[in-house]
N, C-alpha and C. Protein backbone atom coordinates (compact mmCIF):
# COMPACT_ATOMS: atom_id res chain seq x y z
N UNK A 1 312.46 158.59 129.01
CA UNK A 1 311.43 158.67 130.05
C UNK A 1 310.97 160.12 130.16
N UNK A 2 309.69 160.32 130.15
CA UNK A 2 309.15 161.68 130.21
C UNK A 2 308.97 162.11 131.66
N UNK A 3 309.34 163.38 132.01
CA UNK A 3 309.17 163.92 133.37
C UNK A 3 307.71 164.23 133.62
N UNK A 4 307.26 163.97 134.83
CA UNK A 4 305.85 164.18 135.17
C UNK A 4 305.75 164.89 136.52
N UNK A 5 304.97 165.98 136.64
CA UNK A 5 304.80 166.72 137.89
C UNK A 5 303.53 166.32 138.63
N UNK A 6 303.20 167.14 139.66
CA UNK A 6 301.99 166.89 140.44
C UNK A 6 300.77 167.39 139.69
N UNK A 7 299.70 166.68 139.84
CA UNK A 7 298.44 167.16 139.29
C UNK A 7 297.81 168.14 140.24
N UNK A 8 296.85 168.91 139.77
CA UNK A 8 296.15 169.89 140.61
C UNK A 8 295.44 169.21 141.77
N UNK A 9 294.89 168.06 141.54
CA UNK A 9 294.19 167.32 142.60
C UNK A 9 295.15 166.92 143.71
N UNK A 10 296.36 166.46 143.32
CA UNK A 10 297.34 166.06 144.32
C UNK A 10 297.80 167.26 145.15
N UNK A 11 297.99 168.40 144.50
CA UNK A 11 298.38 169.61 145.23
C UNK A 11 297.29 170.02 146.22
N UNK A 12 296.03 169.96 145.78
CA UNK A 12 294.92 170.34 146.66
C UNK A 12 294.82 169.40 147.86
N UNK A 13 295.05 168.10 147.61
CA UNK A 13 295.01 167.15 148.73
C UNK A 13 296.14 167.42 149.72
N UNK A 14 297.33 167.71 149.18
CA UNK A 14 298.48 167.99 150.06
C UNK A 14 298.23 169.24 150.90
N UNK A 15 297.68 170.29 150.27
CA UNK A 15 297.37 171.52 151.00
C UNK A 15 296.33 171.26 152.09
N UNK A 16 295.31 170.46 151.77
CA UNK A 16 294.27 170.15 152.75
C UNK A 16 294.85 169.39 153.94
N UNK A 17 295.75 168.41 153.66
CA UNK A 17 296.37 167.65 154.75
C UNK A 17 297.22 168.56 155.63
N UNK A 18 298.01 169.46 155.00
CA UNK A 18 298.83 170.39 155.78
C UNK A 18 297.96 171.31 156.63
N UNK A 19 296.83 171.76 156.09
CA UNK A 19 295.92 172.63 156.83
C UNK A 19 295.35 171.90 158.05
N UNK A 20 295.00 170.62 157.85
CA UNK A 20 294.48 169.83 158.97
C UNK A 20 295.54 169.65 160.05
N UNK A 21 296.76 169.35 159.63
CA UNK A 21 297.85 169.19 160.61
C UNK A 21 298.10 170.50 161.35
N UNK A 22 298.09 171.62 160.62
CA UNK A 22 298.27 172.92 161.25
C UNK A 22 297.18 173.23 162.25
N UNK A 23 295.91 172.91 161.91
CA UNK A 23 294.78 173.18 162.81
C UNK A 23 294.89 172.35 164.08
N UNK A 24 295.24 171.06 163.92
CA UNK A 24 295.38 170.19 165.10
C UNK A 24 296.52 170.67 166.00
N UNK A 25 297.64 171.06 165.37
CA UNK A 25 298.78 171.56 166.16
C UNK A 25 298.43 172.84 166.90
N UNK A 26 297.73 173.76 166.22
CA UNK A 26 297.34 175.01 166.87
C UNK A 26 296.40 174.75 168.03
N UNK A 27 295.46 173.82 167.84
CA UNK A 27 294.51 173.52 168.91
C UNK A 27 295.22 172.93 170.12
N UNK A 28 296.22 172.08 169.85
CA UNK A 28 296.97 171.48 170.95
C UNK A 28 297.75 172.53 171.73
N UNK A 29 298.43 173.44 171.02
CA UNK A 29 299.18 174.51 171.68
C UNK A 29 298.25 175.47 172.41
N UNK A 30 297.09 175.77 171.80
CA UNK A 30 296.13 176.67 172.43
C UNK A 30 295.58 176.06 173.71
N UNK A 31 295.29 174.76 173.67
CA UNK A 31 294.80 174.09 174.87
C UNK A 31 295.85 174.07 175.97
N UNK A 32 297.09 173.84 175.58
CA UNK A 32 298.17 173.82 176.57
C UNK A 32 298.37 175.19 177.20
N UNK A 33 298.28 176.25 176.37
CA UNK A 33 298.43 177.60 176.88
C UNK A 33 297.28 177.95 177.83
N UNK A 34 296.06 177.55 177.46
CA UNK A 34 294.91 177.82 178.31
C UNK A 34 295.04 177.10 179.64
N UNK A 35 295.50 175.84 179.60
CA UNK A 35 295.71 175.08 180.83
C UNK A 35 296.77 175.73 181.69
N UNK A 36 297.87 176.16 181.08
CA UNK A 36 298.94 176.83 181.80
C UNK A 36 298.42 178.12 182.47
N UNK A 37 297.60 178.87 181.72
CA UNK A 37 297.05 180.11 182.25
C UNK A 37 296.14 179.84 183.45
N UNK A 38 295.30 178.79 183.35
CA UNK A 38 294.40 178.47 184.45
C UNK A 38 295.15 177.97 185.67
N UNK A 39 296.19 177.16 185.45
CA UNK A 39 296.99 176.65 186.56
C UNK A 39 297.71 177.79 187.28
N UNK A 40 298.30 178.71 186.50
CA UNK A 40 298.98 179.85 187.11
C UNK A 40 297.99 180.73 187.88
N UNK A 41 296.79 180.93 187.31
CA UNK A 41 295.77 181.71 188.01
C UNK A 41 295.35 181.06 189.31
N UNK A 42 295.19 179.73 189.28
CA UNK A 42 294.81 179.01 190.50
C UNK A 42 295.91 179.09 191.56
N UNK A 43 297.17 178.98 191.13
CA UNK A 43 298.29 179.08 192.07
C UNK A 43 298.36 180.47 192.68
N UNK A 44 298.18 181.51 191.86
CA UNK A 44 298.21 182.88 192.37
C UNK A 44 297.07 183.10 193.37
N UNK A 45 295.88 182.58 193.04
CA UNK A 45 294.74 182.74 193.93
C UNK A 45 294.98 182.02 195.25
N UNK A 46 295.47 180.78 195.18
CA UNK A 46 295.74 180.02 196.40
C UNK A 46 296.78 180.70 197.27
N UNK A 47 297.82 181.22 196.63
CA UNK A 47 298.88 181.90 197.38
C UNK A 47 298.35 183.16 198.06
N UNK A 48 297.47 183.90 197.35
CA UNK A 48 296.89 185.11 197.93
C UNK A 48 296.03 184.78 199.14
N UNK A 49 295.21 183.75 199.02
CA UNK A 49 294.33 183.37 200.13
C UNK A 49 295.15 182.88 201.32
N UNK A 50 296.15 182.04 201.06
CA UNK A 50 296.98 181.55 202.16
C UNK A 50 297.73 182.68 202.84
N UNK A 51 298.22 183.64 202.05
CA UNK A 51 298.94 184.79 202.64
C UNK A 51 298.00 185.63 203.49
N UNK A 52 296.77 185.82 203.02
CA UNK A 52 295.79 186.60 203.79
C UNK A 52 295.47 185.91 205.11
N UNK A 53 295.25 184.60 205.07
CA UNK A 53 294.94 183.86 206.30
C UNK A 53 296.12 183.88 207.27
N UNK A 54 297.32 183.74 206.73
CA UNK A 54 298.51 183.76 207.58
C UNK A 54 298.69 185.11 208.25
N UNK A 55 298.43 186.18 207.50
CA UNK A 55 298.58 187.52 208.06
C UNK A 55 297.54 187.78 209.15
N UNK A 56 296.29 187.44 208.87
CA UNK A 56 295.24 187.63 209.87
C UNK A 56 295.53 186.81 211.11
N UNK A 57 295.94 185.55 210.90
CA UNK A 57 296.23 184.68 212.03
C UNK A 57 297.34 185.24 212.91
N UNK A 58 298.39 185.75 212.28
CA UNK A 58 299.51 186.31 213.06
C UNK A 58 299.07 187.53 213.86
N UNK A 59 298.31 188.40 213.24
CA UNK A 59 297.88 189.62 213.93
C UNK A 59 296.85 189.34 215.02
N UNK A 60 295.97 188.38 214.77
CA UNK A 60 294.98 188.00 215.79
C UNK A 60 295.67 187.35 216.98
N UNK A 61 296.70 186.56 216.74
CA UNK A 61 297.40 185.88 217.83
C UNK A 61 298.05 186.85 218.80
N UNK A 62 298.26 188.10 218.36
CA UNK A 62 298.89 189.11 219.22
C UNK A 62 297.87 190.10 219.79
N UNK A 63 296.61 189.70 219.81
CA UNK A 63 295.56 190.52 220.42
C UNK A 63 295.86 190.75 221.90
N UNK A 64 295.53 191.94 222.38
CA UNK A 64 295.73 192.23 223.79
C UNK A 64 294.65 193.18 224.30
N UNK A 65 294.42 193.13 225.59
CA UNK A 65 293.59 194.10 226.30
C UNK A 65 294.46 194.74 227.37
N UNK A 66 294.19 195.99 227.67
CA UNK A 66 294.97 196.69 228.68
C UNK A 66 294.06 197.50 229.59
N UNK A 67 294.33 197.39 230.89
CA UNK A 67 293.59 198.19 231.87
C UNK A 67 294.30 199.52 232.15
N UNK A 68 295.43 199.70 231.48
CA UNK A 68 296.20 200.92 231.69
C UNK A 68 295.77 201.96 230.66
N UNK A 69 294.76 202.75 231.00
CA UNK A 69 294.26 203.81 230.11
C UNK A 69 293.63 204.91 230.95
N UNK A 70 293.43 206.04 230.32
CA UNK A 70 292.85 207.20 230.99
C UNK A 70 291.35 206.98 231.18
N UNK A 71 290.94 206.66 232.41
CA UNK A 71 289.54 206.37 232.68
C UNK A 71 288.65 207.60 232.55
N UNK A 72 289.23 208.78 232.67
CA UNK A 72 288.44 210.00 232.51
C UNK A 72 288.18 210.29 231.03
N UNK A 73 289.12 209.92 230.17
CA UNK A 73 288.98 210.18 228.75
C UNK A 73 288.12 209.13 228.06
N UNK A 74 288.30 207.87 228.43
CA UNK A 74 287.59 206.77 227.77
C UNK A 74 286.46 206.26 228.66
N UNK A 75 285.29 206.12 228.09
CA UNK A 75 284.15 205.57 228.83
C UNK A 75 284.28 204.06 229.02
N UNK A 76 284.96 203.40 228.09
CA UNK A 76 285.21 201.98 228.20
C UNK A 76 286.61 201.67 227.71
N UNK A 77 287.08 200.48 227.95
CA UNK A 77 288.43 200.08 227.59
C UNK A 77 288.66 200.27 226.07
N UNK A 78 289.67 201.06 225.68
CA UNK A 78 289.90 201.32 224.25
C UNK A 78 290.54 200.16 223.51
N UNK A 79 291.00 199.16 224.24
CA UNK A 79 291.52 197.95 223.61
C UNK A 79 290.46 196.86 223.75
N UNK A 80 290.27 196.08 222.69
CA UNK A 80 289.15 195.13 222.73
C UNK A 80 289.28 194.05 221.66
N UNK A 81 288.35 193.11 221.73
CA UNK A 81 288.17 192.08 220.71
C UNK A 81 286.69 192.09 220.36
N UNK A 82 286.36 192.55 219.14
CA UNK A 82 284.97 192.65 218.72
C UNK A 82 284.76 191.81 217.46
N UNK A 83 283.77 190.94 217.51
CA UNK A 83 283.42 190.09 216.37
C UNK A 83 281.91 190.15 216.14
N UNK A 84 281.52 190.46 214.89
CA UNK A 84 280.11 190.50 214.52
C UNK A 84 279.88 189.65 213.28
N UNK A 85 278.70 189.04 213.21
CA UNK A 85 278.29 188.28 212.02
C UNK A 85 279.39 187.33 211.56
N UNK A 86 279.88 186.52 212.49
CA UNK A 86 281.03 185.69 212.19
C UNK A 86 280.83 184.64 211.12
N UNK A 87 279.60 184.21 210.88
CA UNK A 87 279.38 183.13 209.93
C UNK A 87 279.12 183.67 208.52
N UNK A 88 280.19 183.91 207.77
CA UNK A 88 280.07 184.28 206.37
C UNK A 88 280.23 185.76 206.07
N UNK A 89 279.84 186.64 207.01
CA UNK A 89 279.93 188.08 206.78
C UNK A 89 280.66 188.74 207.95
N UNK A 90 281.74 188.14 208.38
CA UNK A 90 282.42 188.56 209.60
C UNK A 90 282.96 189.97 209.54
N UNK A 91 282.86 190.64 210.68
CA UNK A 91 283.48 191.96 210.87
C UNK A 91 284.27 191.84 212.17
N UNK A 92 285.58 191.73 212.06
CA UNK A 92 286.44 191.52 213.22
C UNK A 92 287.32 192.73 213.43
N UNK A 93 287.28 193.29 214.64
CA UNK A 93 288.13 194.43 215.02
C UNK A 93 288.84 194.08 216.32
N UNK A 94 290.16 194.26 216.33
CA UNK A 94 290.95 193.89 217.50
C UNK A 94 292.01 194.95 217.76
N UNK A 95 292.50 194.95 219.00
CA UNK A 95 293.71 195.69 219.33
C UNK A 95 294.83 194.66 219.42
N UNK A 96 295.94 194.96 218.75
CA UNK A 96 297.00 193.96 218.64
C UNK A 96 298.37 194.62 218.69
N UNK A 97 299.37 193.83 219.10
CA UNK A 97 300.76 194.27 219.12
C UNK A 97 301.46 193.99 217.79
N UNK A 98 300.72 193.72 216.74
CA UNK A 98 301.31 193.28 215.47
C UNK A 98 301.60 194.42 214.50
N UNK A 99 301.45 195.66 214.93
CA UNK A 99 301.67 196.78 214.01
C UNK A 99 303.15 196.91 213.64
N UNK A 100 303.39 197.14 212.35
CA UNK A 100 304.75 197.33 211.85
C UNK A 100 304.93 198.77 211.40
N UNK A 101 305.89 199.45 211.97
CA UNK A 101 306.17 200.84 211.59
C UNK A 101 306.96 200.87 210.28
N UNK A 102 306.44 201.63 209.34
CA UNK A 102 307.07 201.71 208.02
C UNK A 102 308.06 202.86 207.90
N UNK A 103 308.03 203.79 208.85
CA UNK A 103 308.94 204.93 208.83
C UNK A 103 309.68 205.01 210.16
N UNK A 104 310.95 205.34 210.09
CA UNK A 104 311.78 205.38 211.29
C UNK A 104 311.28 206.42 212.28
N UNK A 105 310.89 207.59 211.78
CA UNK A 105 310.49 208.67 212.66
C UNK A 105 308.97 208.72 212.89
N UNK A 106 308.27 207.66 212.55
CA UNK A 106 306.80 207.64 212.73
C UNK A 106 306.47 207.59 214.21
N UNK A 107 305.50 208.42 214.61
CA UNK A 107 305.08 208.46 216.01
C UNK A 107 304.04 207.36 216.24
N UNK A 108 304.51 206.13 216.14
CA UNK A 108 303.66 204.97 216.28
C UNK A 108 304.36 203.93 217.14
N UNK A 109 303.60 203.02 217.70
CA UNK A 109 304.16 201.94 218.50
C UNK A 109 303.78 200.61 217.87
N UNK A 110 304.01 199.52 218.60
CA UNK A 110 303.67 198.20 218.09
C UNK A 110 302.18 197.91 218.20
N UNK A 111 301.47 198.71 218.96
CA UNK A 111 300.03 198.46 219.14
C UNK A 111 299.21 199.26 218.13
N UNK A 112 298.11 198.68 217.70
CA UNK A 112 297.23 199.33 216.74
C UNK A 112 295.90 198.59 216.72
N UNK A 113 294.92 199.22 216.08
CA UNK A 113 293.64 198.58 215.85
C UNK A 113 293.63 197.97 214.45
N UNK A 114 293.14 196.75 214.34
CA UNK A 114 293.03 196.06 213.07
C UNK A 114 291.58 195.67 212.84
N UNK A 115 291.10 195.91 211.63
CA UNK A 115 289.74 195.50 211.28
C UNK A 115 289.78 194.72 209.97
N UNK A 116 289.01 193.63 209.93
CA UNK A 116 288.91 192.79 208.74
C UNK A 116 287.42 192.60 208.42
N UNK A 117 287.04 192.91 207.19
CA UNK A 117 285.65 192.76 206.79
C UNK A 117 285.53 192.74 205.27
N UNK A 118 284.40 192.26 204.78
CA UNK A 118 284.12 192.24 203.35
C UNK A 118 283.54 193.58 202.92
N UNK A 119 283.94 194.01 201.73
CA UNK A 119 283.43 195.27 201.18
C UNK A 119 283.63 195.24 199.67
N UNK A 120 283.04 196.22 198.98
CA UNK A 120 283.20 196.31 197.53
C UNK A 120 284.48 197.06 197.18
N UNK A 121 285.23 196.50 196.23
CA UNK A 121 286.45 197.17 195.79
C UNK A 121 286.13 198.15 194.66
N UNK A 122 287.15 198.72 194.04
CA UNK A 122 286.95 199.72 192.99
C UNK A 122 286.24 199.15 191.76
N UNK A 123 286.36 197.85 191.54
CA UNK A 123 285.71 197.22 190.39
C UNK A 123 284.30 196.71 190.71
N UNK A 124 283.86 196.95 191.94
CA UNK A 124 282.53 196.51 192.33
C UNK A 124 282.47 195.08 192.82
N UNK A 125 283.61 194.42 192.91
CA UNK A 125 283.64 193.04 193.40
C UNK A 125 283.79 193.01 194.92
N UNK A 126 283.28 191.96 195.53
CA UNK A 126 283.37 191.85 196.98
C UNK A 126 284.73 191.27 197.36
N UNK A 127 285.47 192.00 198.17
CA UNK A 127 286.81 191.60 198.55
C UNK A 127 286.98 191.72 200.06
N UNK A 128 288.02 191.08 200.56
CA UNK A 128 288.34 191.17 201.98
C UNK A 128 289.30 192.33 202.21
N UNK A 129 288.89 193.27 203.07
CA UNK A 129 289.70 194.45 203.36
C UNK A 129 290.29 194.37 204.77
N UNK A 130 291.44 194.99 204.90
CA UNK A 130 292.14 195.11 206.20
C UNK A 130 292.37 196.58 206.47
N UNK A 131 291.90 197.03 207.65
CA UNK A 131 292.10 198.43 208.05
C UNK A 131 293.00 198.46 209.28
N UNK A 132 293.99 199.34 209.24
CA UNK A 132 294.94 199.47 210.35
C UNK A 132 294.92 200.91 210.83
N UNK A 133 294.71 201.07 212.13
CA UNK A 133 294.73 202.41 212.75
C UNK A 133 295.76 202.39 213.87
N UNK A 134 296.93 203.03 213.65
CA UNK A 134 298.00 202.98 214.65
C UNK A 134 297.67 203.70 215.95
N UNK A 135 296.87 204.76 215.85
CA UNK A 135 296.57 205.55 217.04
C UNK A 135 295.24 205.10 217.64
N UNK A 136 295.28 204.58 218.85
CA UNK A 136 294.08 204.09 219.52
C UNK A 136 293.43 205.27 220.25
N UNK A 137 292.21 205.61 219.82
CA UNK A 137 291.50 206.72 220.43
C UNK A 137 290.02 206.37 220.58
N UNK A 138 289.18 207.41 220.87
CA UNK A 138 287.77 207.17 221.10
C UNK A 138 287.02 206.77 219.82
N UNK A 139 287.47 207.23 218.68
CA UNK A 139 286.78 206.97 217.42
C UNK A 139 287.45 205.80 216.69
N UNK A 140 287.32 204.62 217.25
CA UNK A 140 287.99 203.46 216.70
C UNK A 140 287.39 203.03 215.36
N UNK A 141 286.15 203.43 215.08
CA UNK A 141 285.51 203.03 213.83
C UNK A 141 285.94 203.89 212.64
N UNK A 142 286.69 204.96 212.89
CA UNK A 142 287.10 205.87 211.83
C UNK A 142 288.62 205.91 211.72
N UNK A 143 289.06 206.35 210.53
CA UNK A 143 290.49 206.56 210.32
C UNK A 143 291.25 205.27 210.01
N UNK A 144 292.54 205.43 209.85
CA UNK A 144 293.39 204.30 209.51
C UNK A 144 293.53 204.10 208.02
N UNK A 145 294.36 203.18 207.63
CA UNK A 145 294.60 202.85 206.22
C UNK A 145 293.92 201.54 205.88
N UNK A 146 293.25 201.55 204.73
CA UNK A 146 292.46 200.39 204.31
C UNK A 146 293.03 199.83 203.01
N UNK A 147 293.17 198.53 202.95
CA UNK A 147 293.73 197.89 201.75
C UNK A 147 293.10 196.51 201.57
N UNK A 148 293.13 196.02 200.33
CA UNK A 148 292.55 194.72 200.00
C UNK A 148 293.54 193.60 200.37
N UNK A 149 293.01 192.58 201.06
CA UNK A 149 293.82 191.41 201.37
C UNK A 149 293.60 190.28 200.37
N UNK A 150 292.34 190.11 199.92
CA UNK A 150 292.01 189.06 198.96
C UNK A 150 290.82 189.52 198.12
N UNK A 151 290.88 189.24 196.83
CA UNK A 151 289.82 189.65 195.91
C UNK A 151 288.79 188.54 195.71
N UNK A 152 287.58 188.98 195.30
CA UNK A 152 286.51 188.05 194.92
C UNK A 152 286.25 187.00 196.00
N UNK A 153 285.99 187.46 197.21
CA UNK A 153 285.74 186.57 198.34
C UNK A 153 284.23 186.38 198.50
N UNK A 154 283.78 185.13 198.58
CA UNK A 154 282.36 184.84 198.76
C UNK A 154 281.96 184.92 200.24
N UNK A 155 282.80 184.31 201.09
CA UNK A 155 282.49 184.29 202.52
C UNK A 155 283.76 184.54 203.34
N UNK A 156 283.59 185.26 204.43
CA UNK A 156 284.66 185.48 205.39
C UNK A 156 284.10 185.09 206.75
N UNK A 157 284.57 183.96 207.27
CA UNK A 157 284.02 183.40 208.50
C UNK A 157 285.05 183.48 209.62
N UNK A 158 284.62 184.00 210.77
CA UNK A 158 285.47 184.07 211.96
C UNK A 158 284.64 183.59 213.15
N UNK A 159 285.20 182.68 213.90
CA UNK A 159 284.52 182.18 215.09
C UNK A 159 285.50 182.16 216.26
N UNK A 160 284.98 182.53 217.43
CA UNK A 160 285.80 182.60 218.65
C UNK A 160 285.40 181.46 219.58
N UNK A 161 286.40 180.81 220.15
CA UNK A 161 286.14 179.68 221.03
C UNK A 161 285.87 180.15 222.46
N UNK A 162 284.71 179.75 222.99
CA UNK A 162 284.34 180.07 224.36
C UNK A 162 284.68 178.87 225.23
N UNK A 163 285.74 178.95 226.05
CA UNK A 163 286.16 177.78 226.83
C UNK A 163 285.17 177.42 227.93
N UNK A 164 284.39 178.38 228.39
CA UNK A 164 283.42 178.08 229.46
C UNK A 164 282.23 177.30 228.91
N UNK A 165 281.68 177.77 227.78
CA UNK A 165 280.54 177.08 227.16
C UNK A 165 280.98 175.95 226.24
N UNK A 166 282.28 175.91 225.96
CA UNK A 166 282.87 174.90 225.08
C UNK A 166 282.15 174.86 223.72
N UNK A 167 282.12 176.01 223.07
CA UNK A 167 281.50 176.12 221.75
C UNK A 167 282.10 177.30 221.00
N UNK A 168 281.95 177.26 219.64
CA UNK A 168 282.42 178.36 218.80
C UNK A 168 281.33 179.42 218.73
N UNK A 169 281.72 180.68 218.89
CA UNK A 169 280.77 181.79 218.87
C UNK A 169 280.99 182.67 217.64
N UNK A 170 279.87 183.11 217.05
CA UNK A 170 279.92 184.01 215.89
C UNK A 170 279.93 185.47 216.30
N UNK A 171 279.68 185.75 217.58
CA UNK A 171 279.66 187.11 218.10
C UNK A 171 280.52 187.15 219.36
N UNK A 172 281.26 188.26 219.53
CA UNK A 172 282.08 188.40 220.74
C UNK A 172 282.41 189.88 220.91
N UNK A 173 282.26 190.37 222.13
CA UNK A 173 282.63 191.75 222.46
C UNK A 173 283.23 191.74 223.85
N UNK A 174 284.53 191.96 223.92
CA UNK A 174 285.22 191.91 225.21
C UNK A 174 284.76 193.01 226.16
N UNK A 175 284.17 194.09 225.63
CA UNK A 175 283.69 195.19 226.48
C UNK A 175 282.20 195.07 226.80
N UNK A 176 281.57 194.02 226.34
CA UNK A 176 280.15 193.84 226.61
C UNK A 176 279.91 193.50 228.08
N UNK A 177 278.83 194.04 228.69
CA UNK A 177 278.50 193.70 230.08
C UNK A 177 278.30 192.20 230.27
N UNK A 178 277.93 191.49 229.22
CA UNK A 178 277.73 190.05 229.32
C UNK A 178 279.01 189.30 229.62
N UNK A 179 280.15 189.94 229.33
CA UNK A 179 281.43 189.27 229.54
C UNK A 179 282.03 189.60 230.90
N UNK A 180 281.34 190.38 231.70
CA UNK A 180 281.81 190.66 233.06
C UNK A 180 281.88 189.36 233.85
N UNK A 181 283.04 189.10 234.38
CA UNK A 181 283.23 187.87 235.12
C UNK A 181 283.44 186.66 234.24
N UNK A 182 283.44 186.85 232.91
CA UNK A 182 283.64 185.77 231.97
C UNK A 182 285.02 185.92 231.30
N UNK A 183 285.31 185.04 230.39
CA UNK A 183 286.55 185.12 229.62
C UNK A 183 286.43 186.30 228.66
N UNK A 184 287.37 187.25 228.75
CA UNK A 184 287.31 188.45 227.92
C UNK A 184 287.87 188.22 226.52
N UNK A 185 288.92 187.43 226.44
CA UNK A 185 289.56 187.16 225.15
C UNK A 185 289.45 185.68 224.83
N UNK A 186 288.95 185.33 223.66
CA UNK A 186 288.88 183.90 223.31
C UNK A 186 290.29 183.33 223.15
N UNK A 187 290.54 182.14 223.67
CA UNK A 187 291.88 181.56 223.54
C UNK A 187 292.22 181.14 222.13
N UNK A 188 291.19 180.85 221.33
CA UNK A 188 291.41 180.42 219.95
C UNK A 188 290.41 181.11 219.03
N UNK A 189 290.84 181.34 217.80
CA UNK A 189 289.98 181.95 216.79
C UNK A 189 290.11 181.14 215.51
N UNK A 190 288.98 180.80 214.92
CA UNK A 190 288.97 180.05 213.67
C UNK A 190 288.60 180.99 212.53
N UNK A 191 289.42 180.99 211.48
CA UNK A 191 289.27 181.93 210.36
C UNK A 191 289.17 181.14 209.06
N UNK A 192 288.21 181.52 208.20
CA UNK A 192 288.03 180.81 206.93
C UNK A 192 287.66 181.79 205.83
N UNK A 193 288.17 181.51 204.62
CA UNK A 193 287.85 182.29 203.43
C UNK A 193 287.30 181.35 202.37
N UNK A 194 286.21 181.77 201.73
CA UNK A 194 285.60 180.97 200.68
C UNK A 194 285.56 181.78 199.39
N UNK A 195 286.09 181.21 198.32
CA UNK A 195 286.08 181.85 197.01
C UNK A 195 285.70 180.80 195.96
N UNK A 196 285.56 181.22 194.71
CA UNK A 196 285.28 180.30 193.62
C UNK A 196 286.57 179.87 192.95
N UNK A 197 286.67 178.56 192.65
CA UNK A 197 287.86 178.08 191.97
C UNK A 197 287.72 178.26 190.46
N UNK A 198 288.68 177.71 189.69
CA UNK A 198 288.68 177.90 188.25
C UNK A 198 287.51 177.21 187.56
N UNK A 199 286.85 176.27 188.26
CA UNK A 199 285.68 175.58 187.71
C UNK A 199 284.36 176.17 188.19
N UNK A 200 284.45 177.28 188.91
CA UNK A 200 283.24 177.93 189.40
C UNK A 200 282.67 177.32 190.67
N UNK A 201 283.42 176.40 191.29
CA UNK A 201 282.96 175.77 192.53
C UNK A 201 283.53 176.51 193.74
N UNK A 202 282.76 176.49 194.84
CA UNK A 202 283.22 177.14 196.06
C UNK A 202 284.33 176.33 196.71
N UNK A 203 285.36 177.04 197.14
CA UNK A 203 286.49 176.40 197.80
C UNK A 203 286.84 177.19 199.05
N UNK A 204 287.04 176.49 200.15
CA UNK A 204 287.26 177.15 201.44
C UNK A 204 288.63 176.80 202.01
N UNK A 205 289.34 177.82 202.46
CA UNK A 205 290.59 177.66 203.20
C UNK A 205 290.33 178.11 204.64
N UNK A 206 290.93 177.43 205.59
CA UNK A 206 290.71 177.79 206.99
C UNK A 206 291.98 177.61 207.79
N UNK A 207 292.05 178.31 208.91
CA UNK A 207 293.17 178.19 209.83
C UNK A 207 292.69 178.60 211.22
N UNK A 208 293.54 178.40 212.20
CA UNK A 208 293.21 178.81 213.55
C UNK A 208 294.37 179.62 214.12
N UNK A 209 294.01 180.55 215.00
CA UNK A 209 295.02 181.38 215.66
C UNK A 209 294.85 181.22 217.17
N UNK A 210 295.95 181.05 217.84
CA UNK A 210 295.94 180.96 219.30
C UNK A 210 296.39 182.29 219.88
N UNK A 211 295.53 182.89 220.71
CA UNK A 211 295.85 184.19 221.31
C UNK A 211 296.70 183.97 222.56
N UNK A 212 297.85 184.59 222.57
CA UNK A 212 298.83 184.35 223.63
C UNK A 212 298.45 185.05 224.93
N UNK A 213 298.09 186.34 224.84
CA UNK A 213 297.77 187.13 226.04
C UNK A 213 296.29 186.94 226.40
N UNK A 214 296.02 185.98 227.26
CA UNK A 214 294.64 185.66 227.60
C UNK A 214 294.03 186.60 228.63
N UNK A 215 294.86 187.30 229.38
CA UNK A 215 294.35 188.20 230.43
C UNK A 215 294.71 189.64 230.12
N UNK A 216 293.86 190.60 230.51
CA UNK A 216 294.18 192.03 230.28
C UNK A 216 295.46 192.43 231.01
N UNK A 217 296.26 193.27 230.35
CA UNK A 217 297.47 193.78 230.98
C UNK A 217 297.09 194.82 232.01
N UNK A 218 297.68 194.74 233.19
CA UNK A 218 297.37 195.66 234.27
C UNK A 218 298.67 196.05 234.95
N UNK A 219 299.13 197.26 234.67
CA UNK A 219 300.41 197.72 235.23
C UNK A 219 300.36 199.21 235.50
């Protein structure tokens, strides 16, 4: 019996089949890796947004006003609740007892001013920023430390509940003359963040915060 090997045609067919199997296998692994990457990105994004909402909610819930201040130094109450452009472009500034001292010998207390608003980050993207100013003084719009809470935010919505009018308000200023004789601090605040998901669609997360100290402190 004579020995017989593979013909050139058979070798070429075998190589072609192996190449096809390799291409299909690579495509399957590449698709799985891409899916894993997108899922992890979505989870990281969701966790960041939820953490930002939880942090804002906690700090807003500890909002306070105080009548105990130097009336000669301050023209108006230095503690306040200010909300502007609440529907989509919110700028919220509050005085709160939620400040955390990072240094043992820091000359700071539990009270501070907190501001939350949309702004451009270093990459030019619109992000949600948080500014904390531990020292409450006349220039509340300046100073403090500013940091990003959430990246690539499309909308930042904050609304304050007016119990007298029984409606959500996009504007609120506890020091405004319009609030004389009215409720100075909203009992509830609704907060929402809107970003794009992995499919390019808008997705919104929302929460509510209940403010505990409804009346100004007077001692």
